[in-house]
């Protein structure tokens, strides 16, 4: 997805295009059961990646899991972020590295 400002109308132009179409390998992205206690943060919010729809499992080191139930029916108090894999893939040009 690419978003451009529309200076004449104070809006945005959003362009969605499919880059790669292939099924996810279940060995690389095994589905998880929706355990709210594992995915809700200290504020009760569940965070999903805006790109790949993985859900952040909170702990000492955040882990992003594939939780199909949350994709089919997002729970209340869901917010969006970007997982490390999508950050590297889509936004590496903005990295300080």
C-alpha atoms as a PDB file:
ATOM      1  CA  UNK A   1       0.000   0.000   0.000  1.00  0.00           C
ATOM      2  CA  UNK A   2       1.257   3.444  -0.865  1.00  0.00           C
ATOM      3  CA  UNK A   3      -0.339   6.653   0.388  1.00  0.00           C
ATOM      4  CA  UNK A   4       0.080  10.016  -1.326  1.00  0.00           C
ATOM      5  CA  UNK A   5      -1.167  13.412  -0.103  1.00  0.00           C
ATOM      6  CA  UNK A   6      -3.746  15.143  -2.271  1.00  0.00           C
ATOM      7  CA  UNK A   7      -2.787  18.819  -1.907  1.00  0.00           C
ATOM      8  CA  UNK A   8      -5.828  20.130  -3.739  1.00  0.00           C
ATOM      9  CA  UNK A   9      -8.444  18.389  -1.618  1.00  0.00           C
ATOM     10  CA  UNK A  10      -6.826  17.905   1.817  1.00  0.00           C
ATOM     11  CA  UNK A  11      -7.073  14.153   1.520  1.00  0.00           C
ATOM     12  CA  UNK A  12      -5.060  11.083   0.711  1.00  0.00           C
ATOM     13  CA  UNK A  13      -4.794   8.860  -2.338  1.00  0.00           C
ATOM     14  CA  UNK A  14      -4.281   5.234  -1.306  1.00  0.00           C
ATOM     15  CA  UNK A  15      -2.925   2.735  -3.833  1.00  0.00           C
ATOM     16  CA  UNK A  16      -3.151  -0.978  -3.015  1.00  0.00           C
ATOM     17  CA  UNK A  17      -1.461  -3.517  -5.239  1.00  0.00           C
ATOM     18  CA  UNK A  18      -0.678  -7.190  -4.843  1.00  0.00           C
ATOM     19  CA  UNK A  19       3.065  -7.806  -4.863  1.00  0.00           C
ATOM     20  CA  UNK A  20       3.241 -11.558  -4.338  1.00  0.00           C
ATOM     21  CA  UNK A  21       0.453 -14.066  -4.158  1.00  0.00           C
ATOM     22  CA  UNK A  22       1.373 -17.320  -2.481  1.00  0.00           C
ATOM     23  CA  UNK A  23       0.051 -19.322   0.448  1.00  0.00           C
ATOM     24  CA  UNK A  24       1.882 -19.019   3.724  1.00  0.00           C
ATOM     25  CA  UNK A  25       3.981 -22.005   4.700  1.00  0.00           C
ATOM     26  CA  UNK A  26       2.437 -23.297   7.958  1.00  0.00           C
ATOM     27  CA  UNK A  27       5.930 -24.306   9.160  1.00  0.00           C
ATOM     28  CA  UNK A  28       7.074 -20.671   8.904  1.00  0.00           C
ATOM     29  CA  UNK A  29       3.850 -19.178  10.208  1.00  0.00           C
ATOM     30  CA  UNK A  30       2.055 -21.768  12.364  1.00  0.00           C
ATOM     31  CA  UNK A  31      -1.445 -20.708  13.435  1.00  0.00           C
ATOM     32  CA  UNK A  32      -1.941 -19.955  17.130  1.00  0.00           C
ATOM     33  CA  UNK A  33      -4.982 -20.113  19.371  1.00  0.00           C
ATOM     34  CA  UNK A  34      -6.371 -16.745  20.425  1.00  0.00           C
ATOM     35  CA  UNK A  35      -5.332 -16.550  24.084  1.00  0.00           C
ATOM     36  CA  UNK A  36      -6.178 -13.006  25.106  1.00  0.00           C
ATOM     37  CA  UNK A  37      -3.953 -13.103  28.180  1.00  0.00           C
ATOM     38  CA  UNK A  38      -0.922 -13.655  25.933  1.00  0.00           C
ATOM     39  CA  UNK A  39      -1.800 -10.911  23.445  1.00  0.00           C
ATOM     40  CA  UNK A  40      -3.292  -8.080  25.514  1.00  0.00           C
ATOM     41  CA  UNK A  41      -0.756  -5.517  26.730  1.00  0.00           C
ATOM     42  CA  UNK A  42      -0.789  -3.743  30.101  1.00  0.00           C
ATOM     43  CA  UNK A  43      -3.519  -1.420  28.796  1.00  0.00           C
ATOM     44  CA  UNK A  44      -5.729  -4.252  27.509  1.00  0.00           C
ATOM     45  CA  UNK A  45      -4.907  -3.572  23.855  1.00  0.00           C
ATOM     46  CA  UNK A  46      -4.152  -6.250  21.256  1.00  0.00           C
ATOM     47  CA  UNK A  47      -1.672  -5.100  18.596  1.00  0.00           C
ATOM     48  CA  UNK A  48      -1.781  -6.470  15.045  1.00  0.00           C
ATOM     49  CA  UNK A  49       0.696  -5.794  12.236  1.00  0.00           C
ATOM     50  CA  UNK A  50      -0.816  -3.454   9.662  1.00  0.00           C
ATOM     51  CA  UNK A  51       0.795  -5.387   6.815  1.00  0.00           C
ATOM     52  CA  UNK A  52       0.801  -9.120   7.569  1.00  0.00           C
ATOM     53  CA  UNK A  53      -1.896  -9.188  10.293  1.00  0.00           C
ATOM     54  CA  UNK A  54       0.281 -11.056  12.805  1.00  0.00           C
ATOM     55  CA  UNK A  55      -0.581 -10.423  16.454  1.00  0.00           C
ATOM     56  CA  UNK A  56       1.979  -9.301  19.024  1.00  0.00           C
ATOM     57  CA  UNK A  57       2.478 -11.701  21.939  1.00  0.00           C
ATOM     58  CA  UNK A  58       3.733  -9.527  24.761  1.00  0.00           C
ATOM     59  CA  UNK A  59       6.585 -10.505  27.042  1.00  0.00           C
ATOM     60  CA  UNK A  60      10.238  -9.632  27.588  1.00  0.00           C
ATOM     61  CA  UNK A  61      10.767  -9.833  23.825  1.00  0.00           C
ATOM     62  CA  UNK A  62       7.691  -9.280  21.638  1.00  0.00           C
ATOM     63  CA  UNK A  63       6.830 -12.195  19.338  1.00  0.00           C
ATOM     64  CA  UNK A  64       4.480 -11.802  16.389  1.00  0.00           C
ATOM     65  CA  UNK A  65       2.154 -14.800  15.883  1.00  0.00           C
ATOM     66  CA  UNK A  66      -0.351 -15.725  13.204  1.00  0.00           C
ATOM     67  CA  UNK A  67      -3.752 -15.862  14.970  1.00  0.00           C
ATOM     68  CA  UNK A  68      -6.397 -16.580  12.290  1.00  0.00           C
ATOM     69  CA  UNK A  69      -9.303 -15.977  14.686  1.00  0.00           C
ATOM     70  CA  UNK A  70      -8.176 -12.366  15.228  1.00  0.00           C
ATOM     71  CA  UNK A  71      -8.007 -11.797  11.465  1.00  0.00           C
ATOM     72  CA  UNK A  72     -11.487 -13.207  10.926  1.00  0.00           C
ATOM     73  CA  UNK A  73     -12.973 -11.269  13.844  1.00  0.00           C
ATOM     74  CA  UNK A  74     -10.724  -8.603  15.380  1.00  0.00           C
ATOM     75  CA  UNK A  75     -11.284  -8.307  19.128  1.00  0.00           C
ATOM     76  CA  UNK A  76     -12.314  -5.099  20.857  1.00  0.00           C
ATOM     77  CA  UNK A  77      -9.450  -2.756  21.734  1.00  0.00           C
ATOM     78  CA  UNK A  78      -7.310  -3.725  18.750  1.00  0.00           C
ATOM     79  CA  UNK A  79      -4.588  -1.385  17.585  1.00  0.00           C
ATOM     80  CA  UNK A  80      -2.075  -1.650  14.776  1.00  0.00           C
ATOM     81  CA  UNK A  81       1.695  -1.619  14.617  1.00  0.00           C
ATOM     82  CA  UNK A  82       4.344  -3.071  12.346  1.00  0.00           C
ATOM     83  CA  UNK A  83       6.158  -6.324  13.106  1.00  0.00           C
ATOM     84  CA  UNK A  84       9.937  -6.562  12.738  1.00  0.00           C
ATOM     85  CA  UNK A  85       9.710  -8.644   9.533  1.00  0.00           C
ATOM     86  CA  UNK A  86       7.430  -6.112   7.803  1.00  0.00           C
ATOM     87  CA  UNK A  87       9.504  -3.212   9.140  1.00  0.00           C
ATOM     88  CA  UNK A  88      12.579  -4.713   7.465  1.00  0.00           C
ATOM     89  CA  UNK A  89      10.714  -5.560   4.265  1.00  0.00           C
ATOM     90  CA  UNK A  90       8.727  -2.379   3.729  1.00  0.00           C
ATOM     91  CA  UNK A  91      10.599   0.316   5.646  1.00  0.00           C
ATOM     92  CA  UNK A  92      14.281  -0.654   5.626  1.00  0.00           C
ATOM     93  CA  UNK A  93      15.115   2.486   3.638  1.00  0.00           C
ATOM     94  CA  UNK A  94      14.150   4.527   6.729  1.00  0.00           C
ATOM     95  CA  UNK A  95      16.436   2.564   9.039  1.00  0.00           C
ATOM     96  CA  UNK A  96      19.542   4.160  10.515  1.00  0.00           C
ATOM     97  CA  UNK A  97      21.618   1.058   9.670  1.00  0.00           C
END
